[in-house]
N, C-alpha and C. Protein backbone atom coordinates (compact mmCIF):
# COMPACT_ATOMS: atom_id res chain seq x y z
N MET A 1 -0.30 -22.37 -21.35
CA MET A 1 0.68 -23.02 -22.25
C MET A 1 2.73 -22.71 -22.63
N LEU A 2 2.53 -22.33 -21.24
CA LEU A 2 4.19 -21.58 -20.92
C LEU A 2 4.21 -22.99 -20.72
N VAL A 3 4.45 -24.12 -20.45
CA VAL A 3 4.85 -25.91 -20.26
C VAL A 3 4.85 -25.82 -22.01
N GLU A 4 4.30 -26.08 -22.65
CA GLU A 4 4.00 -26.12 -24.04
C GLU A 4 5.24 -24.84 -24.90
N ALA A 5 5.05 -24.04 -24.35
CA ALA A 5 6.17 -23.08 -25.03
C ALA A 5 7.57 -23.66 -23.91
N ALA A 6 8.23 -24.04 -23.31
CA ALA A 6 9.16 -24.61 -22.90
C ALA A 6 9.40 -25.82 -23.15
N ASN A 7 8.70 -26.61 -24.01
CA ASN A 7 8.83 -27.42 -24.66
C ASN A 7 8.62 -27.81 -25.82
N TRP A 8 9.28 -27.41 -26.71
CA TRP A 8 8.30 -26.76 -28.67
C TRP A 8 8.91 -27.98 -28.69
N ASP A 9 11.01 -28.57 -28.26
CA ASP A 9 11.12 -29.87 -29.59
C ASP A 9 10.55 -31.05 -28.69
N ASN A 10 11.87 -31.98 -28.89
CA ASN A 10 12.04 -33.75 -29.60
C ASN A 10 12.50 -34.11 -28.38
N ARG A 11 12.72 -33.39 -27.19
CA ARG A 11 13.52 -33.55 -26.58
C ARG A 11 12.22 -34.35 -24.79
N PRO A 12 13.40 -34.61 -24.09
CA PRO A 12 12.21 -35.15 -22.68
C PRO A 12 11.10 -34.45 -22.54
N ARG A 13 10.21 -34.45 -22.22
CA ARG A 13 9.33 -33.07 -21.91
C ARG A 13 10.02 -32.47 -20.31
N ILE A 14 9.69 -30.77 -20.19
CA ILE A 14 10.49 -31.21 -18.44
C ILE A 14 8.85 -30.60 -18.19
N PRO A 15 9.07 -31.16 -17.12
CA PRO A 15 7.71 -31.83 -16.02
C PRO A 15 7.27 -30.19 -16.17
N PRO A 16 5.53 -29.90 -15.78
CA PRO A 16 4.59 -29.12 -15.33
C PRO A 16 5.73 -28.09 -14.36
N ASP A 17 5.50 -28.80 -12.90
CA ASP A 17 5.49 -28.33 -12.41
C ASP A 17 7.48 -27.64 -12.05
N GLU A 18 8.38 -28.33 -12.67
CA GLU A 18 9.60 -27.88 -13.00
C GLU A 18 9.81 -26.05 -13.25
N VAL A 19 8.82 -26.30 -14.94
CA VAL A 19 8.74 -25.32 -15.94
C VAL A 19 8.10 -23.85 -14.78
N ARG A 20 7.25 -24.58 -13.54
CA ARG A 20 6.45 -23.29 -12.72
C ARG A 20 7.46 -23.25 -11.68
N ALA A 21 8.38 -23.89 -11.31
CA ALA A 21 9.57 -23.14 -9.97
C ALA A 21 11.09 -22.35 -10.89
N ASP A 22 10.42 -22.99 -12.76
CA ASP A 22 12.02 -21.76 -12.95
C ASP A 22 11.82 -20.38 -12.99
N PRO A 23 12.03 -19.88 -12.07
CA PRO A 23 12.35 -17.65 -12.74
C PRO A 23 12.75 -17.85 -14.14
N ALA A 24 13.39 -18.21 -15.01
CA ALA A 24 14.19 -18.01 -15.75
C ALA A 24 12.32 -17.38 -16.63
N LEU A 25 11.70 -19.02 -16.83
CA LEU A 25 10.37 -19.33 -17.32
C LEU A 25 9.49 -18.76 -16.93
N THR A 26 9.61 -18.53 -15.45
CA THR A 26 8.01 -17.82 -14.91
C THR A 26 7.75 -16.64 -14.78
N ARG A 27 9.31 -16.04 -15.72
CA ARG A 27 9.31 -14.50 -16.11
C ARG A 27 8.31 -13.93 -17.33
N TYR A 28 8.61 -14.88 -18.50
CA TYR A 28 7.46 -14.74 -19.28
C TYR A 28 6.21 -15.03 -19.16
N VAL A 29 5.70 -15.08 -17.88
CA VAL A 29 4.08 -14.52 -17.70
C VAL A 29 3.31 -14.06 -16.38
N HIS A 30 4.67 -13.49 -15.58
CA HIS A 30 4.45 -13.75 -14.56
C HIS A 30 3.82 -11.96 -14.70
N GLU A 31 2.76 -11.92 -12.94
CA GLU A 31 1.64 -10.68 -13.71
C GLU A 31 1.46 -10.18 -15.09
N TRP A 32 0.40 -10.93 -15.23
CA TRP A 32 0.88 -10.81 -16.76
C TRP A 32 -0.80 -10.74 -16.84
N PRO A 33 -1.01 -9.26 -17.95
CA PRO A 33 -0.36 -9.09 -18.34
C PRO A 33 0.43 -7.81 -18.47
N ARG A 34 0.96 -7.01 -18.75
CA ARG A 34 1.48 -5.77 -17.84
C ARG A 34 1.60 -4.84 -18.93
N SER A 35 1.91 -3.48 -19.06
CA SER A 35 0.75 -2.35 -19.62
C SER A 35 2.58 -2.50 -21.29
N GLY A 36 1.41 -2.54 -21.98
CA GLY A 36 2.77 -3.01 -23.70
C GLY A 36 2.72 -4.30 -23.70
N GLU A 37 2.23 -5.40 -23.47
CA GLU A 37 1.71 -6.24 -24.00
C GLU A 37 0.60 -6.81 -24.35
N THR A 38 0.39 -7.76 -25.84
CA THR A 38 -0.80 -8.84 -25.91
C THR A 38 -0.74 -10.54 -25.78
N GLY A 39 -1.50 -11.08 -26.21
CA GLY A 39 -1.15 -12.82 -26.49
C GLY A 39 -2.38 -12.62 -27.12
N VAL A 40 -2.95 -13.82 -27.34
CA VAL A 40 -3.91 -14.64 -28.17
C VAL A 40 -3.51 -16.30 -27.91
N VAL A 41 -4.99 -16.65 -28.07
CA VAL A 41 -5.46 -17.87 -27.10
C VAL A 41 -5.96 -18.68 -28.56
N ALA A 42 -5.56 -19.73 -28.89
CA ALA A 42 -6.27 -20.37 -29.41
C ALA A 42 -7.33 -21.72 -28.71
N GLU A 43 -7.81 -21.74 -29.26
CA GLU A 43 -8.90 -22.50 -27.53
C GLU A 43 -9.78 -23.70 -28.73
N GLU A 44 -10.28 -25.00 -28.79
CA GLU A 44 -11.15 -26.00 -29.49
C GLU A 44 -11.44 -26.18 -27.77
N ALA A 45 -12.05 -27.55 -27.67
CA ALA A 45 -13.49 -27.58 -26.47
C ALA A 45 -11.37 -26.75 -25.66
N SER A 46 -11.03 -26.13 -25.05
CA SER A 46 -10.32 -25.89 -24.56
C SER A 46 -9.20 -25.13 -24.75
N PRO A 47 -8.32 -24.41 -24.84
CA PRO A 47 -7.03 -24.17 -25.50
C PRO A 47 -6.17 -25.20 -25.83
N ILE A 48 -5.28 -24.44 -27.38
CA ILE A 48 -4.16 -25.62 -27.39
C ILE A 48 -3.62 -24.95 -28.02
N GLY A 49 -3.06 -23.33 -27.71
CA GLY A 49 -2.27 -22.27 -28.05
C GLY A 49 -3.02 -21.02 -28.00
N ALA A 50 -0.95 -20.85 -28.12
CA ALA A 50 -0.54 -19.46 -27.13
C ALA A 50 0.22 -18.82 -26.94
N ALA A 51 -0.07 -17.44 -27.96
CA ALA A 51 1.36 -16.80 -28.16
C ALA A 51 1.30 -15.09 -27.49
N TRP A 52 2.04 -14.76 -26.95
CA TRP A 52 2.09 -13.53 -25.82
C TRP A 52 3.64 -12.76 -26.56
N LEU A 53 3.62 -11.58 -26.65
CA LEU A 53 4.42 -10.49 -26.09
C LEU A 53 4.64 -10.30 -25.01
N ARG A 54 5.81 -10.47 -24.04
CA ARG A 54 6.08 -9.86 -23.68
C ARG A 54 7.17 -9.01 -23.28
N LEU A 55 7.67 -7.50 -22.57
CA LEU A 55 8.49 -6.47 -22.46
C LEU A 55 9.68 -6.74 -21.12
N PHE A 56 11.12 -6.77 -21.99
CA PHE A 56 12.10 -6.54 -20.97
C PHE A 56 12.65 -5.58 -19.96
N THR A 57 13.36 -5.48 -19.94
CA THR A 57 14.44 -4.75 -19.02
C THR A 57 15.65 -5.00 -19.29
N SER A 58 16.69 -3.91 -19.38
CA SER A 58 17.66 -4.57 -19.25
C SER A 58 18.03 -5.58 -17.95
N GLU A 59 17.50 -4.56 -17.43
CA GLU A 59 18.04 -5.61 -15.43
C GLU A 59 17.07 -6.65 -15.43
N TYR A 60 16.35 -7.00 -16.44
CA TYR A 60 15.54 -7.98 -15.81
C TYR A 60 14.80 -8.67 -16.97
N LEU A 61 16.01 -9.49 -18.00
CA LEU A 61 15.69 -10.27 -19.23
C LEU A 61 15.17 -11.21 -19.88
N GLY A 62 15.15 -11.35 -20.71
CA GLY A 62 14.10 -13.12 -21.43
C GLY A 62 15.31 -13.38 -22.65
N TYR A 63 15.19 -14.25 -22.74
CA TYR A 63 15.85 -15.11 -23.31
C TYR A 63 16.74 -14.91 -24.81
N GLY A 64 14.98 -13.42 -25.02
CA GLY A 64 15.80 -12.90 -26.80
C GLY A 64 15.90 -11.66 -26.67
N TYR A 65 16.52 -11.16 -25.16
CA TYR A 65 15.88 -9.54 -25.48
C TYR A 65 17.61 -8.58 -26.21
N VAL A 66 16.45 -7.49 -26.64
CA VAL A 66 16.60 -6.56 -27.32
C VAL A 66 16.98 -5.74 -27.15
N ALA A 67 15.99 -4.67 -26.98
CA ALA A 67 15.65 -3.25 -26.19
C ALA A 67 14.71 -3.77 -25.43
N ASP A 68 14.71 -2.45 -24.78
CA ASP A 68 13.69 -2.19 -22.94
C ASP A 68 11.91 -1.86 -23.92
N ASP A 69 11.78 -1.69 -25.74
CA ASP A 69 10.73 -0.94 -26.00
C ASP A 69 11.10 -2.47 -26.81
N VAL A 70 10.89 -3.06 -27.43
CA VAL A 70 11.59 -4.57 -28.00
C VAL A 70 10.58 -5.47 -27.37
N PRO A 71 9.54 -6.35 -27.58
CA PRO A 71 8.65 -7.30 -26.80
C PRO A 71 9.37 -8.68 -27.55
N GLU A 72 9.46 -9.74 -26.95
CA GLU A 72 10.32 -11.21 -26.79
C GLU A 72 8.03 -11.43 -26.64
N LEU A 73 8.60 -12.46 -28.11
CA LEU A 73 7.67 -13.40 -28.52
C LEU A 73 7.61 -14.92 -28.09
N SER A 74 6.88 -15.19 -27.17
CA SER A 74 6.51 -16.58 -26.86
C SER A 74 5.39 -17.23 -27.39
N ILE A 75 5.46 -18.49 -27.41
CA ILE A 75 4.27 -19.20 -27.93
C ILE A 75 4.31 -20.52 -27.78
N GLY A 76 3.07 -21.20 -27.82
CA GLY A 76 3.12 -22.76 -26.37
C GLY A 76 2.04 -23.37 -28.04
N VAL A 77 2.15 -24.60 -28.31
CA VAL A 77 0.91 -25.10 -28.68
C VAL A 77 1.09 -26.95 -27.97
N VAL A 78 -1.06 -27.02 -27.86
CA VAL A 78 0.02 -28.78 -27.47
C VAL A 78 0.27 -29.23 -28.39
N PRO A 79 1.34 -30.50 -27.94
CA PRO A 79 1.38 -30.93 -28.85
C PRO A 79 0.62 -31.76 -29.95
N GLU A 80 -0.59 -32.60 -29.39
CA GLU A 80 -1.75 -32.85 -30.12
C GLU A 80 -1.53 -31.77 -31.64
N TRP A 81 -1.51 -30.79 -30.91
CA TRP A 81 -2.12 -30.15 -32.39
C TRP A 81 -1.38 -29.15 -33.39
N ARG A 82 0.26 -29.29 -32.80
CA ARG A 82 0.91 -29.01 -33.46
C ARG A 82 1.67 -28.91 -35.40
N ARG A 83 2.37 -28.76 -36.04
CA ARG A 83 1.83 -28.78 -37.42
C ARG A 83 0.39 -29.23 -38.46
N ARG A 84 -0.09 -28.42 -37.34
CA ARG A 84 -1.60 -28.25 -38.25
C ARG A 84 -2.19 -26.29 -38.55
N GLY A 85 -1.06 -26.09 -38.48
CA GLY A 85 -1.43 -24.46 -38.73
C GLY A 85 -2.40 -23.28 -37.22
N VAL A 86 -1.86 -23.96 -36.00
CA VAL A 86 -2.22 -23.57 -34.73
C VAL A 86 -1.22 -22.64 -34.63
N GLY A 87 0.43 -22.91 -34.48
CA GLY A 87 1.18 -21.51 -34.11
C GLY A 87 0.59 -21.00 -35.31
N ARG A 88 1.18 -20.74 -36.55
CA ARG A 88 0.64 -19.46 -37.43
C ARG A 88 -0.65 -19.66 -37.34
N ALA A 89 -1.70 -19.28 -37.23
CA ALA A 89 -2.47 -18.52 -36.99
C ALA A 89 -2.46 -17.50 -35.82
N LEU A 90 -1.87 -18.09 -34.85
CA LEU A 90 -1.05 -17.66 -33.43
C LEU A 90 -0.33 -15.87 -33.98
N LEU A 91 0.33 -16.89 -34.16
CA LEU A 91 1.51 -15.58 -34.94
C LEU A 91 1.10 -14.46 -35.78
N ARG A 92 -0.04 -14.95 -36.96
CA ARG A 92 -0.50 -13.86 -37.52
C ARG A 92 -1.17 -13.19 -36.99
N GLU A 93 -2.00 -13.60 -35.69
CA GLU A 93 -3.35 -12.46 -35.14
C GLU A 93 -2.08 -11.86 -34.44
N LEU A 94 -1.16 -12.22 -33.55
CA LEU A 94 -0.12 -11.86 -32.86
C LEU A 94 0.32 -10.44 -33.16
N VAL A 95 0.63 -11.15 -34.70
CA VAL A 95 1.35 -9.80 -35.55
C VAL A 95 0.46 -8.35 -35.24
N ARG A 96 -0.71 -9.35 -35.91
CA ARG A 96 -1.86 -7.87 -36.65
C ARG A 96 -2.31 -7.13 -35.04
N ARG A 97 -2.16 -7.63 -34.42
CA ARG A 97 -2.08 -7.08 -32.26
C ARG A 97 -1.22 -5.72 -32.47
N ALA A 98 0.35 -6.88 -32.30
CA ALA A 98 1.11 -5.50 -32.45
C ALA A 98 1.19 -5.13 -33.01
N ARG A 99 1.00 -4.03 -34.27
CA ARG A 99 0.90 -3.79 -35.35
C ARG A 99 0.22 -2.51 -34.81
N GLU A 100 -1.71 -3.21 -33.82
CA GLU A 100 -2.33 -2.03 -33.71
C GLU A 100 -2.04 -0.72 -33.21
N CYS A 101 -1.08 -1.72 -31.78
CA CYS A 101 -0.42 -1.21 -30.91
C CYS A 101 1.01 0.15 -30.86
N GLY A 102 1.27 -0.80 -32.43
CA GLY A 102 2.41 1.09 -32.37
C GLY A 102 3.45 -0.33 -32.15
N THR A 103 3.10 -1.44 -32.20
CA THR A 103 4.68 -2.10 -32.39
C THR A 103 5.48 -2.51 -33.61
N ARG A 104 6.93 -2.74 -33.85
CA ARG A 104 8.17 -2.04 -34.40
C ARG A 104 8.63 -3.39 -35.05
N LYS A 105 9.24 -3.69 -33.86
CA LYS A 105 9.29 -4.47 -33.15
C LYS A 105 8.90 -5.97 -33.11
N ILE A 106 9.59 -7.30 -32.82
CA ILE A 106 9.76 -8.06 -31.78
C ILE A 106 10.60 -8.90 -32.50
N SER A 107 11.34 -9.57 -31.34
CA SER A 107 12.50 -10.50 -30.28
C SER A 107 12.18 -12.17 -30.33
N LEU A 108 12.23 -12.88 -30.66
CA LEU A 108 12.82 -14.32 -31.13
C LEU A 108 13.82 -14.82 -30.30
N SER A 109 13.84 -15.96 -29.13
CA SER A 109 15.14 -16.35 -29.32
C SER A 109 14.79 -17.12 -29.50
N VAL A 110 16.09 -18.39 -30.71
CA VAL A 110 16.36 -19.51 -31.21
C VAL A 110 17.31 -19.67 -30.53
N GLU A 111 17.07 -21.89 -30.78
CA GLU A 111 18.34 -22.66 -30.50
C GLU A 111 19.32 -22.27 -31.72
N ARG A 112 20.72 -22.58 -31.44
CA ARG A 112 21.49 -22.93 -32.73
C ARG A 112 21.15 -23.77 -33.56
N ALA A 113 21.06 -25.04 -32.96
CA ALA A 113 20.70 -26.01 -34.07
C ALA A 113 19.84 -25.94 -34.75
N TRP A 114 18.07 -25.31 -34.04
CA TRP A 114 17.34 -25.07 -35.04
C TRP A 114 17.26 -24.57 -36.17
N LEU A 115 18.06 -23.20 -36.12
CA LEU A 115 18.61 -22.45 -36.52
C LEU A 115 18.66 -22.06 -37.27
N ALA A 116 19.88 -23.74 -37.09
CA ALA A 116 20.60 -23.84 -38.81
C ALA A 116 19.69 -24.50 -39.93
N SER A 117 19.25 -25.24 -39.09
CA SER A 117 18.32 -26.40 -39.80
C SER A 117 16.82 -25.48 -40.99
N CYS A 118 16.93 -24.06 -40.57
CA CYS A 118 15.81 -23.60 -41.15
C CYS A 118 16.21 -22.58 -42.69
N THR A 119 15.57 -22.22 -42.96
CA THR A 119 15.50 -20.43 -44.33
C THR A 119 15.90 -19.59 -43.64
N PRO A 120 16.92 -17.99 -43.71
CA PRO A 120 16.40 -17.13 -42.76
C PRO A 120 15.66 -16.20 -42.83
N VAL A 121 14.81 -15.89 -42.16
CA VAL A 121 12.94 -15.10 -42.93
C VAL A 121 13.55 -13.50 -41.92
N ARG A 122 13.17 -12.72 -42.61
CA ARG A 122 13.63 -10.99 -41.76
C ARG A 122 12.07 -10.87 -42.15
N ALA A 123 11.04 -10.13 -41.17
CA ALA A 123 9.89 -9.68 -41.04
C ALA A 123 9.43 -8.25 -40.74
N THR A 124 9.76 -7.66 -41.62
CA THR A 124 9.04 -6.29 -41.20
C THR A 124 8.11 -5.66 -41.45
N TRP A 125 7.15 -4.70 -40.78
CA TRP A 125 6.57 -3.91 -41.67
C TRP A 125 6.47 -2.26 -40.77
């Protein structure tokens, strides 16, 4: 699902081999899971999507690093299942699990062009 997360938009797809060779991307799944991390997978006959929370440190940053105790959200859904509620269901379950684990904040890295087209939402719990 890392490949799908990296290919979230309509730009030309990054080939799987390139995603797997990019340390800036593979840090989101390397040695998964570490302590304090959680994730969920959506399946039909095979996996169709996944969402996960990864902790980074100030020495080992993710794209959306905020603080050592704030996990970063990643989500990927295979193209044929996008815009069908899979991502929403994954996010809801992931937030539920994060609450159970005592997580109070989640970070998400978003590109400016995409963000400019959206209505701002602030989620707290």
